[in-house]
Amino acid sequence: MTSPSPHPSASPSPSSAPRWWVRGDLDGFLGLGLDNLIQLLLILALCRAVLGYPDALIFGVILPATGLSLVVGNVAYAVQAYQLDRVEGAARRTALPYGINTVSLFAYVFLVMLPVKLSALGSGASADAAVRLSWQAGLLACLGSGLIESAGAFGAAALRRWLPRAALLATLAGIALGYIALGFLLRTYAHPVVGLAVLAVILVAYYGQIRLPIPGGLLAVLVGIALAWGTGLLQVDGALWQTNLANVGLHVPVLQLGALWEGREQLLPWLGVTIPMGLFNVLGSLQNLESAEAAGDRYPERSSLLINGLGTAVAALLGSCFPTTIYIGHPGWKAMGARLGYSWLNGLVMGLGCLFGLFGLIGQIVPIEAGMAIVLYIALVIAAQAFQVTPARHAPAVALGLMPGLAGWGALLLKAGLRAGGAGTPAAPFAPILIERLKQADVWAAGAFALEQGQIVAAMLLAAMLVYVIDQRFRAAALCALIAAAASWVGLLHAWRFTPADTVFQLGWGAGASWALGYLAMAVVFLVGWASRRRVG
């Protein structure tokens, strides 16, 4: 997740004693808190509308666990900054910004939880059983991400040297463009008066270098709320208000070890999503630590990544499927004068809102349309960064790495359209005939479904191959192709099968033989290139 970088203002001068609150923390809290608010409203909207989770699960389990993970991480980062300030004898540090990971939020909903639910329903499971399996798969993915982040704290530097930056950032950018940017852009143009006006405010605030009287994100949300009410887009549903009001009350999270154990069979099929997302979180955290150091705040890698991993693990163990992360934008918060207080206050306010079930009511008066331009901006930052911070010669690799994520999002839309048209039911289940009919319309659905399975790994490996080819490191490119071939052969990449209402992984020896042979052919070509270059050299 990225956070909009506020514009600089005067910073308080350092003093010898660190303080838990300074004036600039209020501005920092408004920006960071708004960012986290949008993520919490997204969790509520996606869990209700996309996943069909009951309110008892959302308000009684998922949101309280999410809130407690925000408390743990934000308070821990504030304490970390306080202790380092005490050692250095100067109150100058800005705590690392922290919150819900947007990219993982969308990845786990659309690449893990929704497919598990649809597959279970297609196999004849009841709606309640399908929801439980979907939630358990999300818990395992979230826990896996936290464990990878924690382990990465001890070997992050070596991992960073091995993976090309273009491969990692392009993979994130593909998910950001497809599942975040394009999805919200379609929603923007579905409600243009609200959507485009709010988008304009965000563009002016964060790209136009205009100093505003209040944080740009807050202004955008206020404009969006006013327009939503004024145009009739937002109308309070009395029955829903009463439902949300009934969810208000203290919800104490409890350990969900039993649910994690019950869902253990969901672990292997989704490693192709969990492992890459965990690695991305590790490298993203390292990049954000670099950004903080450039702004004058050096933080130790090990403790910083361990806090992040612990926060995500707490979320999963208590029932949330949504990892947390260190946000980018640290230099912006520091320039605003924020220090320690903005961090612990953000955790406290967001945590209490989750524990007391307040976000259902907030969601009725703050529509997604009022804040989705902020998330669209975040996606643009992620996509642009993939090109901006990689060598210019690697731009083709970044472009190639975008494509699997876009294809996966296209496959998601295609299947949703087929279901809306009456397919994917017991009377008209998904079947190979759909592939032939779509092919006649020049829609190569089989390729989209193949790229959808393991799309994160596929994007990373394809982009890495091209980086190595551009740099004439042909043996490294061949190694990437061989890894892809091995993963395809056992079904971790590309191999898929129909269920009555979806397409899912097809695991098994030789399940992805055709793709494995294709990648093997790529490896041979790369090795020929290496041999030719060696002879010329």
Protein backbone atom coordinates (compact mmCIF):
# COMPACT_ATOMS: atom_id res chain seq x y z
CA MET A 1 0.00 0.00 0.00
CA THR A 2 1.24 3.47 -0.76
CA SER A 3 0.22 6.61 0.96
CA PRO A 4 -0.13 10.03 -0.68
CA SER A 5 2.81 12.23 0.13
CA PRO A 6 1.65 15.49 1.68
CA HIS A 7 3.28 18.77 0.75
CA PRO A 8 6.01 20.17 2.95
CA SER A 9 5.42 22.68 5.66
CA ALA A 10 7.55 23.97 8.44
CA SER A 11 8.91 21.28 10.73
CA PRO A 12 9.43 21.76 14.45
CA SER A 13 13.05 22.08 15.40
CA PRO A 14 14.63 19.13 17.17
CA SER A 15 14.85 19.11 20.95
CA SER A 16 16.81 16.87 23.27
CA ALA A 17 13.79 15.01 24.68
CA PRO A 18 11.43 13.03 22.43
CA ARG A 19 7.73 13.89 22.78
CA TRP A 20 4.71 11.68 22.20
CA TRP A 21 2.79 14.52 20.54
CA VAL A 22 3.72 17.64 18.57
CA ARG A 23 1.60 20.05 16.57
CA GLY A 24 2.46 18.50 13.21
CA ASP A 25 1.07 15.12 14.34
CA LEU A 26 -2.49 16.35 13.80
CA ASP A 27 -1.93 16.92 10.07
CA GLY A 28 -0.10 13.62 9.81
CA PHE A 29 -2.93 11.79 11.57
CA LEU A 30 -5.56 13.29 9.24
CA GLY A 31 -3.66 12.05 6.20
CA LEU A 32 -2.69 8.60 7.49
CA GLY A 33 -6.03 8.06 9.23
CA LEU A 34 -7.95 8.92 6.07
CA ASP A 35 -5.85 6.46 4.11
CA ASN A 36 -6.61 3.68 6.62
CA LEU A 37 -10.29 4.65 6.70
CA ILE A 38 -10.57 4.10 2.95
CA GLN A 39 -8.96 0.65 3.31
CA LEU A 40 -11.37 -0.34 6.10
CA LEU A 41 -14.36 0.80 4.04
CA LEU A 42 -12.98 -1.26 1.14
CA ILE A 43 -12.74 -4.33 3.37
CA LEU A 44 -16.34 -3.82 4.44
CA ALA A 45 -17.57 -3.29 0.87
CA LEU A 46 -15.63 -6.19 -0.66
CA CYS A 47 -16.51 -8.63 2.13
CA ARG A 48 -20.19 -7.78 1.83
CA ALA A 49 -20.69 -7.23 -1.90
CA VAL A 50 -18.04 -9.44 -3.52
CA LEU A 51 -17.53 -12.25 -1.01
CA GLY A 52 -21.02 -12.27 0.50
CA TYR A 53 -19.74 -12.63 4.06
CA PRO A 54 -22.30 -12.28 6.87
CA ASP A 55 -22.08 -9.29 9.18
CA ALA A 56 -21.38 -11.59 12.13
CA LEU A 57 -18.10 -12.63 10.49
CA ILE A 58 -17.19 -9.14 9.26
CA PHE A 59 -17.98 -7.13 12.41
CA GLY A 60 -17.48 -9.89 14.95
CA VAL A 61 -14.19 -11.33 13.68
CA ILE A 62 -12.50 -9.72 10.65
CA LEU A 63 -12.70 -6.02 11.56
CA PRO A 64 -11.77 -6.43 15.26
CA ALA A 65 -8.71 -8.48 14.26
CA THR A 66 -7.79 -5.90 11.62
CA GLY A 67 -8.16 -3.10 14.16
CA LEU A 68 -5.96 -4.83 16.71
CA SER A 69 -3.26 -5.39 14.08
CA LEU A 70 -3.33 -1.64 13.36
CA VAL A 71 -2.95 -0.88 17.07
CA VAL A 72 -0.01 -3.28 17.43
CA GLY A 73 1.93 -1.97 14.43
CA ASN A 74 1.31 1.75 14.85
CA VAL A 75 2.12 1.74 18.56
CA ALA A 76 5.21 -0.41 17.97
CA TYR A 77 6.56 1.95 15.30
CA ALA A 78 5.92 4.96 17.56
CA VAL A 79 7.80 3.23 20.41
CA GLN A 80 10.62 2.30 18.03
CA ALA A 81 11.03 5.94 16.98
CA TYR A 82 10.83 7.12 20.60
CA GLN A 83 13.55 4.74 21.74
CA LEU A 84 15.88 5.68 18.87
CA ASP A 85 15.32 9.37 19.61
CA ARG A 86 16.24 8.78 23.26
CA VAL A 87 19.45 7.02 22.28
CA GLU A 88 20.38 9.84 19.89
CA GLY A 89 19.26 12.60 22.27
CA ALA A 90 17.12 14.43 19.70
CA ALA A 91 13.36 14.53 19.11
CA ARG A 92 13.50 14.53 15.34
CA ARG A 93 12.27 11.14 14.11
CA THR A 94 9.02 10.52 12.31
CA ALA A 95 7.60 7.07 13.04
CA LEU A 96 7.27 4.76 10.06
CA PRO A 97 3.77 5.07 8.51
CA TYR A 98 1.82 1.84 8.72
CA GLY A 99 -1.53 0.42 7.73
CA ILE A 100 -3.48 -2.09 5.63
CA ASN A 101 -1.73 -3.33 2.50
CA THR A 102 -3.90 -2.28 -0.46
CA VAL A 103 -2.28 -4.57 -3.02
CA SER A 104 -2.56 -7.62 -0.75
CA LEU A 105 -6.14 -6.65 0.09
CA PHE A 106 -7.20 -6.87 -3.55
CA ALA A 107 -4.92 -9.80 -4.35
CA TYR A 108 -6.26 -11.97 -1.54
CA VAL A 109 -9.91 -11.08 -2.20
CA PHE A 110 -9.83 -11.66 -5.96
CA LEU A 111 -7.04 -14.22 -6.31
CA VAL A 112 -7.66 -16.41 -3.24
CA MET A 113 -10.87 -15.85 -1.31
CA LEU A 114 -13.32 -15.36 -4.16
CA PRO A 115 -11.99 -18.31 -6.22
CA VAL A 116 -12.18 -20.58 -3.16
CA LYS A 117 -15.77 -19.56 -2.51
CA LEU A 118 -16.85 -19.99 -6.14
CA SER A 119 -15.08 -23.34 -6.40
CA ALA A 120 -16.77 -24.59 -3.23
CA LEU A 121 -20.18 -23.48 -4.44
CA GLY A 122 -19.52 -25.12 -7.80
CA SER A 123 -18.68 -28.35 -6.01
CA GLY A 124 -22.03 -28.38 -4.23
CA ALA A 125 -21.04 -26.86 -0.89
CA SER A 126 -23.59 -24.80 1.00
CA ALA A 127 -23.27 -21.02 1.05
CA ASP A 128 -22.17 -21.06 4.70
CA ALA A 129 -19.56 -23.75 4.06
CA ALA A 130 -18.22 -21.89 1.01
CA VAL A 131 -17.90 -18.68 3.00
CA ARG A 132 -16.02 -20.46 5.79
CA LEU A 133 -13.60 -22.12 3.36
CA SER A 134 -13.01 -18.77 1.65
CA TRP A 135 -12.32 -17.04 4.97
CA GLN A 136 -9.96 -19.82 6.09
CA ALA A 137 -8.01 -19.57 2.84
CA GLY A 138 -7.65 -15.83 3.44
CA LEU A 139 -6.43 -16.44 6.99
CA LEU A 140 -3.73 -18.82 5.76
CA ALA A 141 -2.64 -16.39 3.04
CA CYS A 142 -2.44 -13.56 5.56
CA LEU A 143 -0.54 -15.66 8.11
CA GLY A 144 1.85 -16.82 5.40
CA SER A 145 2.52 -13.22 4.42
CA GLY A 146 3.32 -12.31 8.04
CA LEU A 147 5.64 -15.27 8.49
CA ILE A 148 7.49 -14.49 5.24
CA GLU A 149 7.90 -10.87 6.32
CA SER A 150 9.25 -11.97 9.70
CA ALA A 151 11.66 -14.45 8.12
CA GLY A 152 12.68 -11.82 5.57
CA ALA A 153 13.87 -9.61 8.41
CA PHE A 154 16.88 -11.94 8.72
CA GLY A 155 17.74 -12.26 5.02
CA ALA A 156 16.18 -9.30 3.29
CA ALA A 157 19.39 -7.88 1.92
CA ALA A 158 20.33 -11.08 0.06
CA LEU A 159 16.81 -11.44 -1.35
CA ARG A 160 16.94 -7.88 -2.58
CA ARG A 161 20.19 -8.50 -4.46
CA TRP A 162 18.80 -11.60 -6.20
CA LEU A 163 15.51 -10.30 -7.60
CA PRO A 164 15.54 -7.61 -10.29
CA ARG A 165 13.68 -4.51 -9.21
CA ALA A 166 11.85 -4.32 -12.54
CA ALA A 167 10.43 -7.82 -12.04
CA LEU A 168 9.09 -7.07 -8.57
CA LEU A 169 7.67 -3.65 -9.29
CA ALA A 170 6.13 -4.65 -12.61
CA THR A 171 4.25 -7.45 -10.91
CA LEU A 172 2.83 -5.06 -8.33
CA ALA A 173 2.03 -2.55 -11.06
CA GLY A 174 0.06 -5.14 -13.04
CA ILE A 175 -2.13 -5.91 -10.04
CA ALA A 176 -2.47 -2.21 -9.25
CA LEU A 177 -3.53 -1.30 -12.78
CA GLY A 178 -5.94 -4.19 -13.22
CA TYR A 179 -7.58 -4.92 -9.90
CA ILE A 180 -7.32 -1.41 -8.43
CA ALA A 181 -6.96 1.32 -11.06
CA LEU A 182 -9.14 -0.01 -13.86
CA GLY A 183 -11.78 -1.30 -11.48
CA PHE A 184 -12.15 2.08 -9.83
CA LEU A 185 -11.83 3.96 -13.12
CA LEU A 186 -14.86 2.07 -14.40
CA ARG A 187 -16.71 2.97 -11.23
CA THR A 188 -15.61 6.60 -11.64
CA TYR A 189 -17.15 6.80 -15.10
CA ALA A 190 -20.27 5.00 -13.91
CA HIS A 191 -20.83 7.93 -11.49
CA PRO A 192 -18.98 10.74 -13.32
CA VAL A 193 -20.24 13.79 -11.40
CA VAL A 194 -18.90 12.49 -8.13
CA GLY A 195 -16.07 10.33 -9.46
CA LEU A 196 -14.46 12.82 -11.84
CA ALA A 197 -14.77 15.76 -9.45
CA VAL A 198 -13.07 13.84 -6.66
CA LEU A 199 -10.43 12.58 -9.09
CA ALA A 200 -9.69 16.19 -10.10
CA VAL A 201 -9.19 17.19 -6.47
CA ILE A 202 -6.73 14.33 -5.94
CA LEU A 203 -4.81 15.15 -9.13
CA VAL A 204 -4.52 18.83 -8.17
CA ALA A 205 -3.60 18.03 -4.57
CA TYR A 206 -0.92 15.43 -5.24
CA TYR A 207 0.31 16.18 -8.76
CA GLY A 208 -0.48 19.90 -9.15
CA GLN A 209 1.77 21.04 -6.29
CA ILE A 210 -1.04 23.25 -4.93
CA ARG A 211 -0.93 24.10 -1.24
CA LEU A 212 -4.36 23.46 0.23
CA PRO A 213 -5.81 24.63 3.57
CA ILE A 214 -6.51 21.02 4.61
CA PRO A 215 -4.95 17.70 3.51
CA GLY A 216 -5.85 16.93 -0.11
CA GLY A 217 -7.25 13.51 0.70
CA LEU A 218 -9.57 14.94 3.34
CA LEU A 219 -10.74 17.67 0.95
CA ALA A 220 -11.43 15.05 -1.74
CA VAL A 221 -13.55 12.98 0.63
CA LEU A 222 -15.52 16.04 1.80
CA VAL A 223 -16.17 17.07 -1.82
CA GLY A 224 -17.19 13.50 -2.66
CA ILE A 225 -19.59 13.28 0.27
CA ALA A 226 -21.20 16.61 -0.61
CA LEU A 227 -21.65 15.66 -4.27
CA ALA A 228 -22.90 12.17 -3.42
CA TRP A 229 -25.58 13.63 -1.17
CA GLY A 230 -26.37 16.45 -3.59
CA THR A 231 -26.80 14.20 -6.63
CA GLY A 232 -28.77 11.54 -4.82
CA LEU A 233 -26.05 8.92 -5.23
CA LEU A 234 -25.94 8.53 -1.48
CA GLN A 235 -29.20 7.91 0.33
CA VAL A 236 -29.38 6.43 3.78
CA ASP A 237 -31.20 3.12 3.72
CA GLY A 238 -33.14 2.99 6.96
CA ALA A 239 -33.12 -0.79 7.20
CA LEU A 240 -29.38 -0.98 6.49
CA TRP A 241 -28.75 1.80 9.00
CA GLN A 242 -30.55 -0.22 11.64
CA THR A 243 -28.52 -3.30 10.67
CA ASN A 244 -25.28 -1.37 10.97
CA LEU A 245 -26.45 0.22 14.20
CA ALA A 246 -27.10 -3.26 15.58
CA ASN A 247 -23.45 -4.13 14.86
CA VAL A 248 -22.22 -1.30 17.08
CA GLY A 249 -20.83 -2.62 20.33
CA LEU A 250 -17.64 -4.05 21.72
CA HIS A 251 -16.38 -7.00 19.65
CA VAL A 252 -13.44 -8.66 21.39
CA PRO A 253 -11.26 -10.67 18.98
CA VAL A 254 -10.31 -14.22 19.91
CA LEU A 255 -7.67 -16.60 18.60
CA GLN A 256 -8.74 -18.48 15.48
CA LEU A 257 -6.27 -21.37 15.69
CA GLY A 258 -9.03 -23.89 15.03
CA ALA A 259 -10.11 -22.15 11.83
CA LEU A 260 -6.51 -22.00 10.61
CA TRP A 261 -6.02 -25.70 11.26
CA GLU A 262 -9.31 -26.63 9.58
CA GLY A 263 -8.33 -24.67 6.48
CA ARG A 264 -4.84 -26.18 6.13
CA GLU A 265 -5.84 -27.95 2.89
CA GLN A 266 -6.21 -24.49 1.33
CA LEU A 267 -2.51 -23.74 1.86
CA LEU A 268 -0.81 -25.51 -1.04
CA PRO A 269 -3.06 -24.39 -3.93
CA TRP A 270 -2.53 -20.71 -3.09
CA LEU A 271 1.21 -20.64 -2.45
CA GLY A 272 1.53 -19.10 -5.91
CA VAL A 273 -0.16 -16.00 -4.48
CA THR A 274 0.97 -16.07 -0.85
CA ILE A 275 4.72 -16.48 -1.40
CA PRO A 276 5.14 -13.74 -4.02
CA MET A 277 2.97 -11.32 -2.04
CA GLY A 278 5.05 -12.03 1.06
CA LEU A 279 8.25 -11.38 -0.90
CA PHE A 280 6.82 -8.16 -2.32
CA ASN A 281 5.96 -6.99 1.17
CA VAL A 282 9.51 -7.65 2.32
CA LEU A 283 11.07 -5.75 -0.57
CA GLY A 284 8.47 -3.00 -0.37
CA SER A 285 9.33 -2.53 3.29
CA LEU A 286 13.03 -2.30 2.44
CA GLN A 287 12.33 0.32 -0.21
CA ASN A 288 10.30 2.34 2.28
CA LEU A 289 13.12 2.12 4.81
CA GLU A 290 15.41 3.53 2.14
CA SER A 291 12.96 6.35 1.58
CA ALA A 292 12.88 7.12 5.31
CA GLU A 293 16.68 7.13 5.48
CA ALA A 294 16.85 9.55 2.56
CA ALA A 295 14.61 11.86 4.60
CA GLY A 296 16.98 11.65 7.55
CA ASP A 297 15.50 8.82 9.61
CA ARG A 298 17.52 5.62 9.57
CA TYR A 299 15.65 2.60 10.92
CA PRO A 300 17.11 -0.89 11.49
CA GLU A 301 15.90 -3.42 8.94
CA ARG A 302 15.40 -6.34 11.29
CA SER A 303 13.19 -4.73 13.92
CA SER A 304 11.22 -2.77 11.31
CA LEU A 305 10.35 -5.87 9.28
CA LEU A 306 9.65 -7.93 12.40
CA ILE A 307 7.10 -5.35 13.59
CA ASN A 308 5.41 -5.49 10.21
CA GLY A 309 5.40 -9.28 10.16
CA LEU A 310 4.10 -9.42 13.73
CA GLY A 311 1.25 -7.04 12.91
CA THR A 312 0.17 -9.18 9.96
CA ALA A 313 0.48 -12.41 11.97
CA VAL A 314 -1.67 -10.90 14.76
CA ALA A 315 -4.31 -10.06 12.16
CA ALA A 316 -4.40 -13.64 10.84
CA LEU A 317 -4.32 -15.35 14.23
CA LEU A 318 -7.29 -13.28 15.40
CA GLY A 319 -9.34 -13.73 12.22
CA SER A 320 -8.40 -11.07 9.63
CA CYS A 321 -7.39 -11.98 6.07
CA PHE A 322 -5.71 -8.66 5.34
CA PRO A 323 -1.96 -8.02 5.81
CA THR A 324 -0.47 -4.76 7.00
CA THR A 325 2.58 -2.98 5.68
CA ILE A 326 4.94 -0.02 6.00
CA TYR A 327 3.58 2.73 3.74
CA ILE A 328 5.58 4.89 1.41
CA GLY A 329 5.30 8.64 1.95
CA HIS A 330 7.49 8.90 5.06
CA PRO A 331 9.31 12.02 3.75
CA GLY A 332 5.95 13.74 3.26
CA TRP A 333 4.76 13.08 6.78
CA LYS A 334 8.11 14.22 8.13
CA ALA A 335 7.95 17.44 6.10
CA MET A 336 4.51 18.14 7.62
CA GLY A 337 6.05 18.04 11.08
CA ALA A 338 4.53 14.68 12.13
CA ARG A 339 6.65 12.73 14.60
CA LEU A 340 5.35 10.01 16.95
CA GLY A 341 1.81 11.03 17.77
CA TYR A 342 0.32 10.64 14.31
CA SER A 343 1.26 6.97 14.37
CA TRP A 344 -0.07 5.87 17.76
CA LEU A 345 -3.20 8.02 17.36
CA ASN A 346 -3.95 6.42 13.99
CA GLY A 347 -3.70 2.96 15.54
CA LEU A 348 -5.85 3.94 18.51
CA VAL A 349 -8.66 5.58 16.48
CA MET A 350 -8.79 2.94 13.75
CA GLY A 351 -8.54 0.15 16.30
CA LEU A 352 -11.39 1.48 18.44
CA GLY A 353 -13.55 2.00 15.35
CA CYS A 354 -13.03 -1.65 14.40
CA LEU A 355 -13.52 -3.03 17.91
CA PHE A 356 -16.78 -1.13 18.36
CA GLY A 357 -18.17 -1.86 14.89
CA LEU A 358 -18.48 1.77 13.81
CA PHE A 359 -17.44 1.46 10.18
CA GLY A 360 -20.77 0.17 8.96
CA LEU A 361 -22.38 3.48 9.95
CA ILE A 362 -19.41 5.46 8.64
CA GLY A 363 -19.66 3.60 5.32
CA GLN A 364 -23.26 4.81 4.89
CA ILE A 365 -22.29 8.46 5.16
CA VAL A 366 -18.89 8.18 3.45
CA PRO A 367 -19.49 6.43 0.10
CA ILE A 368 -16.69 4.55 -1.63
CA GLU A 369 -17.02 7.02 -4.53
CA ALA A 370 -15.88 9.78 -2.17
CA GLY A 371 -12.56 8.11 -1.49
CA MET A 372 -11.89 5.80 -4.41
CA ALA A 373 -9.86 8.47 -6.24
CA ILE A 374 -7.32 8.17 -3.43
CA VAL A 375 -6.99 4.45 -4.13
CA LEU A 376 -6.82 5.17 -7.87
CA TYR A 377 -4.00 7.62 -7.14
CA ILE A 378 -2.23 4.93 -5.13
CA ALA A 379 -2.45 2.55 -8.08
CA LEU A 380 -1.00 5.22 -10.38
CA VAL A 381 1.89 5.75 -7.97
CA ILE A 382 2.62 2.02 -7.90
CA ALA A 383 2.45 1.71 -11.70
CA ALA A 384 4.50 4.84 -12.37
CA GLN A 385 7.11 3.82 -9.81
CA ALA A 386 7.74 0.60 -11.72
CA PHE A 387 9.01 2.70 -14.63
CA GLN A 388 10.53 5.58 -12.68
CA VAL A 389 12.87 3.72 -10.34
CA THR A 390 14.08 1.02 -12.71
CA PRO A 391 16.76 1.59 -15.36
CA ALA A 392 15.30 2.99 -18.57
CA ARG A 393 16.64 0.05 -20.56
CA HIS A 394 14.45 -2.28 -18.43
CA ALA A 395 11.21 -0.50 -19.38
CA PRO A 396 10.22 -3.31 -21.82
CA ALA A 397 10.54 -5.82 -18.95
CA VAL A 398 8.26 -3.68 -16.80
CA ALA A 399 5.71 -3.54 -19.64
CA LEU A 400 5.86 -7.32 -20.06
CA GLY A 401 5.46 -7.83 -16.31
CA LEU A 402 2.24 -5.78 -16.32
CA MET A 403 0.46 -8.12 -18.67
CA PRO A 404 -0.30 -11.21 -16.54
CA GLY A 405 -1.99 -9.02 -13.91
CA LEU A 406 -4.09 -7.30 -16.56
CA ALA A 407 -4.94 -10.68 -18.11
CA GLY A 408 -5.97 -12.03 -14.71
CA TRP A 409 -8.26 -9.07 -14.15
CA GLY A 410 -9.69 -9.56 -17.64
CA ALA A 411 -10.37 -13.22 -16.86
CA LEU A 412 -12.17 -12.18 -13.69
CA LEU A 413 -14.41 -9.80 -15.65
CA LEU A 414 -15.01 -12.38 -18.37
CA LYS A 415 -16.21 -14.99 -15.89
CA ALA A 416 -18.37 -12.45 -14.08
CA GLY A 417 -19.97 -11.55 -17.41
CA LEU A 418 -20.59 -15.20 -18.23
CA ARG A 419 -22.27 -15.72 -14.86
CA ALA A 420 -24.39 -12.60 -15.36
CA GLY A 421 -25.47 -14.08 -18.70
CA GLY A 422 -26.70 -17.27 -17.07
CA ALA A 423 -23.65 -19.50 -17.28
CA GLY A 424 -21.99 -20.97 -14.22
CA THR A 425 -25.17 -22.49 -12.82
CA PRO A 426 -26.11 -26.14 -12.30
CA ALA A 427 -28.29 -25.89 -15.40
CA ALA A 428 -25.53 -24.27 -17.50
CA PRO A 429 -22.14 -25.02 -15.92
CA PHE A 430 -18.87 -23.74 -17.32
CA ALA A 431 -17.64 -26.16 -19.99
CA PRO A 432 -15.05 -26.32 -22.83
CA ILE A 433 -17.68 -25.24 -25.35
CA LEU A 434 -17.40 -21.72 -23.88
CA ILE A 435 -13.77 -21.59 -24.98
CA GLU A 436 -14.69 -22.42 -28.58
CA ARG A 437 -17.51 -19.90 -28.72
CA LEU A 438 -15.34 -17.13 -27.31
CA LYS A 439 -12.53 -18.03 -29.71
CA GLN A 440 -14.91 -17.41 -32.62
CA ALA A 441 -15.28 -13.86 -31.29
CA ASP A 442 -11.45 -13.55 -31.12
CA VAL A 443 -11.50 -13.77 -27.33
CA TRP A 444 -8.75 -16.18 -26.29
CA ALA A 445 -10.20 -17.11 -22.94
CA ALA A 446 -7.97 -20.18 -22.56
CA GLY A 447 -4.91 -17.93 -22.51
CA ALA A 448 -6.52 -15.54 -20.03
CA PHE A 449 -7.44 -18.40 -17.71
CA ALA A 450 -3.90 -19.79 -17.99
CA LEU A 451 -2.32 -16.44 -17.11
CA GLU A 452 -4.78 -15.99 -14.26
CA GLN A 453 -3.44 -19.06 -12.44
CA GLY A 454 -0.21 -18.08 -10.74
CA GLN A 455 -0.26 -14.67 -12.40
CA ILE A 456 1.98 -13.07 -9.76
CA VAL A 457 4.77 -15.63 -10.21
CA ALA A 458 4.35 -15.61 -13.98
CA ALA A 459 4.67 -11.82 -14.11
CA MET A 460 7.76 -11.86 -11.92
CA LEU A 461 9.50 -14.58 -13.94
CA LEU A 462 8.63 -13.10 -17.35
CA ALA A 463 9.86 -9.66 -16.36
CA ALA A 464 13.03 -11.16 -14.82
CA MET A 465 13.72 -13.12 -18.00
CA LEU A 466 13.56 -9.98 -20.10
CA VAL A 467 15.71 -8.01 -17.64
CA TYR A 468 18.38 -10.69 -17.90
CA VAL A 469 18.11 -10.85 -21.69
CA ILE A 470 18.47 -7.07 -21.93
CA ASP A 471 21.56 -7.28 -19.72
CA GLN A 472 22.79 -10.29 -21.78
CA ARG A 473 22.74 -12.53 -18.72
CA PHE A 474 21.31 -15.38 -20.76
CA ARG A 475 22.01 -18.15 -18.25
CA ALA A 476 20.05 -16.25 -15.59
CA ALA A 477 17.19 -15.86 -18.05
CA ALA A 478 17.34 -19.60 -18.77
CA LEU A 479 17.21 -20.35 -15.03
CA CYS A 480 14.02 -18.26 -14.71
CA ALA A 481 12.50 -20.17 -17.64
CA LEU A 482 13.43 -23.50 -16.04
CA ILE A 483 11.83 -22.43 -12.74
CA ALA A 484 8.69 -21.49 -14.66
CA ALA A 485 8.77 -24.85 -16.46
CA ALA A 486 9.04 -26.78 -13.20
CA ALA A 487 6.23 -24.78 -11.57
CA SER A 488 4.02 -25.29 -14.63
CA TRP A 489 4.69 -29.03 -14.76
CA VAL A 490 3.26 -29.56 -11.26
CA GLY A 491 0.40 -27.11 -11.80
CA LEU A 492 1.58 -24.17 -9.71
CA LEU A 493 1.56 -22.03 -12.87
CA HIS A 494 -1.01 -21.81 -15.66
CA ALA A 495 -2.62 -25.25 -15.36
CA TRP A 496 -6.35 -24.81 -14.86
CA ARG A 497 -9.64 -26.64 -15.00
CA PHE A 498 -13.31 -25.73 -15.06
CA THR A 499 -15.56 -26.03 -12.06
CA PRO A 500 -19.28 -25.45 -12.66
CA ALA A 501 -18.89 -21.71 -11.94
CA ASP A 502 -15.19 -20.87 -12.13
CA THR A 503 -11.68 -21.79 -13.28
CA VAL A 504 -9.22 -23.06 -10.65
CA PHE A 505 -5.72 -24.48 -10.29
CA GLN A 506 -5.14 -27.95 -11.70
CA LEU A 507 -2.44 -29.38 -9.45
CA GLY A 508 -0.71 -32.65 -10.28
CA TRP A 509 2.32 -34.21 -11.96
CA GLY A 510 2.35 -33.10 -15.57
CA ALA A 511 -0.77 -30.95 -15.10
CA GLY A 512 0.79 -28.04 -16.97
CA ALA A 513 2.85 -30.03 -19.46
CA SER A 514 2.22 -27.79 -22.47
CA TRP A 515 3.30 -24.63 -20.64
CA ALA A 516 6.27 -26.46 -19.12
CA LEU A 517 7.44 -27.47 -22.62
CA GLY A 518 6.98 -23.89 -23.79
CA TYR A 519 9.15 -22.52 -20.99
CA LEU A 520 11.68 -25.29 -21.62
CA ALA A 521 11.91 -24.13 -25.23
CA MET A 522 12.52 -20.58 -23.96
CA ALA A 523 15.36 -21.86 -21.77
CA VAL A 524 16.95 -23.59 -24.76
CA VAL A 525 16.79 -20.37 -26.80
CA PHE A 526 18.37 -18.39 -23.98
CA LEU A 527 21.17 -20.92 -23.64
CA VAL A 528 21.80 -20.76 -27.38
CA GLY A 529 22.03 -16.99 -26.99
CA TRP A 530 24.53 -17.44 -24.17
CA ALA A 531 26.64 -19.84 -26.25
CA SER A 532 26.57 -17.52 -29.26
CA ARG A 533 27.62 -14.53 -27.19
CA ARG A 534 30.39 -16.59 -25.61
CA ARG A 535 31.76 -17.57 -29.05
CA VAL A 536 31.65 -13.96 -30.23
CA GLY A 537 33.30 -12.78 -27.04
